[in-house]
Amino acid sequence: SAIADAAVLCEIGGGRRLWLDPLPTVLHRSELDAALHGADPTVVGLVDDPSGQTRRALRPTHTAHLVLVGALGSGTTTAAIAVAAGFARLADPDDAHLYVVDGRGEPALDALAQIAHCGAVIRITEVERIDRLLRRLAEEIDHRAHVRERRPRTLVVVDGLDTLRSTLDPIDRSESVTNLDRIIRDGPLVKA
């Protein structure tokens, strides 16, 4: 306030704010649409851009990989759910497939199983299902690389990648480690 008072006394007008207001703790869809001056189903959140002193829309549909990083309780799972829901809003279930691997035992991810696009929500303890999913996704990459036909877009949400990797460490799961690495490396390069 002292700086503002000094600006008034010197008749030089208010200066530019150094920081934007913090992002809201909870951002409802209606508030998001209002912040963007209209509805856009591809947007799932807001991203702070401190160096540009602005906020911009988070559109994960325009990225090959999206990594959400945060401490326990910081909202990364909630953000992942928003991304998955946004992905499902953009296409019919025949045109967009969703798979979820839960490495943290997060009950909130169960809600994604209710979306028609969702093929599975798999817990980290379901070893055979994880191995089968990774094998199927690697096979899909091979299929798309050799057969040029329209295929559904696929989104894989892994909540707790570090936990998933550590469970794939045993020697007898080396095929799954290879498949996971390949999906991360090659999956985005193959077009639907």
Protein backbone atom coordinates (compact mmCIF):
# COMPACT_ATOMS: atom_id res chain seq x y z
CA SER A 1 0.00 0.00 0.00
CA ALA A 2 2.95 2.35 0.61
CA ILE A 3 3.96 2.08 -3.05
CA ALA A 4 0.39 2.80 -4.17
CA ASP A 5 0.21 5.81 -1.82
CA ALA A 6 3.52 7.13 -3.17
CA ALA A 7 2.30 6.75 -6.76
CA VAL A 8 -0.82 8.80 -5.94
CA LEU A 9 1.25 11.52 -4.25
CA CYS A 10 3.59 11.73 -7.24
CA GLU A 11 0.67 11.58 -9.68
CA ILE A 12 2.31 8.79 -11.71
CA GLY A 13 -0.55 6.31 -11.70
CA GLY A 14 -0.61 2.78 -10.44
CA GLY A 15 2.16 0.43 -11.41
CA ARG A 16 1.78 -3.00 -12.81
CA ARG A 17 1.09 -5.75 -10.30
CA LEU A 18 4.06 -8.00 -9.68
CA TRP A 19 2.03 -11.18 -9.32
CA LEU A 20 -1.29 -12.50 -10.50
CA ASP A 21 -3.77 -13.64 -7.90
CA PRO A 22 -3.19 -17.30 -6.99
CA LEU A 23 -4.99 -19.93 -9.02
CA PRO A 24 -8.21 -20.98 -7.31
CA THR A 25 -8.12 -24.05 -5.09
CA VAL A 26 -11.20 -25.42 -6.87
CA LEU A 27 -12.06 -24.43 -10.42
CA HIS A 28 -15.56 -25.34 -11.56
CA ARG A 29 -16.35 -25.76 -15.26
CA SER A 30 -18.53 -22.62 -15.30
CA GLU A 31 -15.69 -20.57 -13.78
CA LEU A 32 -13.23 -21.98 -16.30
CA ASP A 33 -15.53 -21.08 -19.18
CA ALA A 34 -15.98 -17.58 -17.74
CA ALA A 35 -12.22 -17.10 -17.35
CA LEU A 36 -11.76 -18.05 -20.99
CA HIS A 37 -14.71 -15.90 -22.14
CA GLY A 38 -16.60 -18.88 -23.55
CA ALA A 39 -16.95 -22.64 -23.42
CA ASP A 40 -14.22 -24.77 -24.95
CA PRO A 41 -14.49 -28.52 -24.33
CA THR A 42 -10.78 -29.06 -25.11
CA VAL A 43 -9.74 -26.99 -22.08
CA VAL A 44 -9.43 -28.80 -18.76
CA GLY A 45 -7.76 -26.18 -16.62
CA LEU A 46 -5.68 -23.04 -16.35
CA VAL A 47 -1.91 -22.77 -16.36
CA ASP A 48 -0.07 -19.93 -14.66
CA ASP A 49 2.55 -18.24 -16.84
CA PRO A 50 4.44 -16.07 -14.31
CA SER A 51 7.03 -14.79 -16.78
CA GLY A 52 4.28 -13.64 -19.15
CA GLN A 53 2.11 -12.36 -16.29
CA THR A 54 -0.85 -14.23 -17.70
CA ARG A 55 -2.85 -17.41 -17.56
CA ARG A 56 -3.52 -19.69 -20.46
CA ALA A 57 -5.74 -22.64 -21.15
CA LEU A 58 -4.55 -26.17 -20.46
CA ARG A 59 -5.37 -28.23 -23.56
CA PRO A 60 -3.79 -31.67 -23.15
CA THR A 61 -5.22 -32.76 -26.50
CA HIS A 62 -2.46 -30.72 -28.13
CA THR A 63 0.41 -32.51 -26.41
CA ALA A 64 1.99 -35.90 -26.87
CA HIS A 65 2.83 -36.29 -23.17
CA LEU A 66 1.47 -34.50 -20.17
CA VAL A 67 3.24 -34.92 -16.85
CA LEU A 68 1.53 -33.68 -13.72
CA VAL A 69 3.94 -33.32 -10.81
CA GLY A 70 3.06 -32.48 -7.25
CA ALA A 71 3.35 -33.54 -3.65
CA LEU A 72 0.79 -35.86 -2.10
CA GLY A 73 -2.46 -33.92 -1.75
CA SER A 74 -1.49 -31.23 -4.27
CA GLY A 75 -4.17 -32.15 -6.80
CA THR A 76 -2.30 -34.17 -9.42
CA THR A 77 -4.88 -36.98 -9.30
CA THR A 78 -7.73 -34.47 -9.58
CA ALA A 79 -5.98 -32.87 -12.56
CA ALA A 80 -5.50 -36.28 -14.18
CA ILE A 81 -9.20 -37.00 -13.74
CA ALA A 82 -10.05 -33.64 -15.35
CA VAL A 83 -7.77 -34.44 -18.30
CA ALA A 84 -9.40 -37.86 -18.75
CA ALA A 85 -12.90 -36.39 -18.54
CA GLY A 86 -11.95 -33.68 -21.04
CA PHE A 87 -10.57 -36.32 -23.39
CA ALA A 88 -13.83 -38.26 -23.20
CA ARG A 89 -15.89 -35.11 -23.87
CA LEU A 90 -14.21 -34.65 -27.24
CA ALA A 91 -15.23 -37.89 -28.95
CA ASP A 92 -17.61 -40.82 -28.94
CA PRO A 93 -16.46 -43.97 -27.11
CA ASP A 94 -15.80 -45.67 -30.46
CA ASP A 95 -13.29 -42.93 -31.32
CA ALA A 96 -11.49 -42.47 -27.98
CA HIS A 97 -10.27 -45.13 -25.55
CA LEU A 98 -9.12 -44.50 -21.99
CA TYR A 99 -7.05 -46.75 -19.70
CA VAL A 100 -6.05 -45.92 -16.13
CA VAL A 101 -3.29 -47.46 -14.00
CA ASP A 102 -3.62 -46.51 -10.34
CA GLY A 103 -0.27 -46.63 -8.61
CA ARG A 104 -1.43 -44.91 -5.45
CA GLY A 105 -4.64 -46.69 -4.47
CA GLU A 106 -6.70 -43.60 -5.18
CA PRO A 107 -10.46 -44.29 -4.92
CA ALA A 108 -11.29 -41.10 -6.87
CA LEU A 109 -10.02 -42.79 -10.04
CA ASP A 110 -12.91 -45.27 -9.82
CA ALA A 111 -15.19 -42.54 -11.20
CA LEU A 112 -13.39 -42.86 -14.54
CA ALA A 113 -14.59 -46.47 -14.86
CA GLN A 114 -18.11 -45.05 -15.30
CA ILE A 115 -17.10 -43.24 -18.51
CA ALA A 116 -18.05 -45.28 -21.56
CA HIS A 117 -14.60 -44.59 -23.07
CA CYS A 118 -12.80 -46.31 -20.19
CA GLY A 119 -11.53 -49.81 -20.89
CA ALA A 120 -10.10 -50.33 -17.41
CA VAL A 121 -9.04 -48.79 -14.12
CA ILE A 122 -6.27 -51.12 -12.97
CA ARG A 123 -4.75 -51.11 -9.48
CA ILE A 124 -1.02 -51.56 -9.06
CA THR A 125 -1.61 -54.87 -7.28
CA GLU A 126 -3.32 -56.34 -10.38
CA VAL A 127 -0.08 -57.58 -11.91
CA GLU A 128 -1.56 -59.73 -14.69
CA ARG A 129 -3.96 -56.98 -15.82
CA ILE A 130 -1.13 -54.42 -15.96
CA ASP A 131 1.06 -56.80 -17.96
CA ARG A 132 -1.84 -57.54 -20.32
CA LEU A 133 -2.61 -53.82 -20.82
CA LEU A 134 1.01 -52.94 -21.55
CA ARG A 135 1.27 -55.85 -24.00
CA ARG A 136 -1.97 -54.81 -25.73
CA LEU A 137 -0.85 -51.17 -26.04
CA ALA A 138 2.52 -52.24 -27.48
CA GLU A 139 0.68 -54.44 -30.00
CA GLU A 140 -1.54 -51.48 -30.90
CA ILE A 141 1.57 -49.39 -31.62
CA ASP A 142 2.80 -52.16 -33.97
CA HIS A 143 -0.60 -52.39 -35.67
CA ARG A 144 -0.83 -48.63 -36.23
CA ALA A 145 2.70 -48.51 -37.60
CA HIS A 146 1.97 -51.14 -40.26
CA VAL A 147 -1.72 -50.78 -41.06
CA ARG A 148 -2.87 -47.33 -42.10
CA GLU A 149 -6.47 -47.35 -40.97
CA ARG A 150 -8.37 -45.01 -38.73
CA ARG A 151 -8.12 -46.17 -35.11
CA PRO A 152 -9.50 -44.68 -31.90
CA ARG A 153 -7.34 -42.17 -30.05
CA THR A 154 -5.96 -43.68 -26.87
CA LEU A 155 -5.22 -41.98 -23.57
CA VAL A 156 -3.33 -43.81 -20.84
CA VAL A 157 -3.41 -42.22 -17.39
CA VAL A 158 -0.82 -43.49 -14.92
CA ASP A 159 -1.25 -42.09 -11.43
CA GLY A 160 2.02 -42.97 -9.71
CA LEU A 161 4.47 -43.72 -12.53
CA ASP A 162 7.27 -44.19 -10.00
CA THR A 163 5.26 -46.89 -8.22
CA LEU A 164 4.42 -48.61 -11.52
CA ARG A 165 8.09 -48.64 -12.54
CA SER A 166 9.18 -50.07 -9.19
CA THR A 167 6.64 -52.90 -9.44
CA LEU A 168 7.94 -53.75 -12.91
CA ASP A 169 11.51 -54.16 -11.62
CA PRO A 170 11.53 -57.93 -11.08
CA ILE A 171 13.34 -59.94 -13.74
CA ASP A 172 10.23 -61.93 -14.64
CA ARG A 173 8.47 -58.71 -15.71
CA SER A 174 11.13 -57.45 -18.09
CA GLU A 175 8.69 -57.71 -21.03
CA SER A 176 6.36 -55.29 -19.25
CA VAL A 177 9.23 -52.87 -18.54
CA THR A 178 10.15 -52.96 -22.24
CA ASN A 179 6.51 -52.44 -23.24
CA LEU A 180 6.09 -49.48 -20.87
CA ASP A 181 9.25 -47.82 -22.17
CA ARG A 182 8.12 -48.39 -25.74
CA ILE A 183 4.64 -46.99 -25.10
CA ILE A 184 6.14 -43.84 -23.59
CA ARG A 185 8.72 -43.50 -26.36
CA ASP A 186 6.80 -44.56 -29.49
CA GLY A 187 3.12 -44.25 -28.63
CA PRO A 188 2.74 -40.53 -29.36
CA LEU A 189 4.55 -40.91 -32.69
CA VAL A 190 1.94 -43.28 -34.11
CA LYS A 191 -1.09 -41.46 -35.48
CA ALA A 192 -4.63 -42.76 -35.18
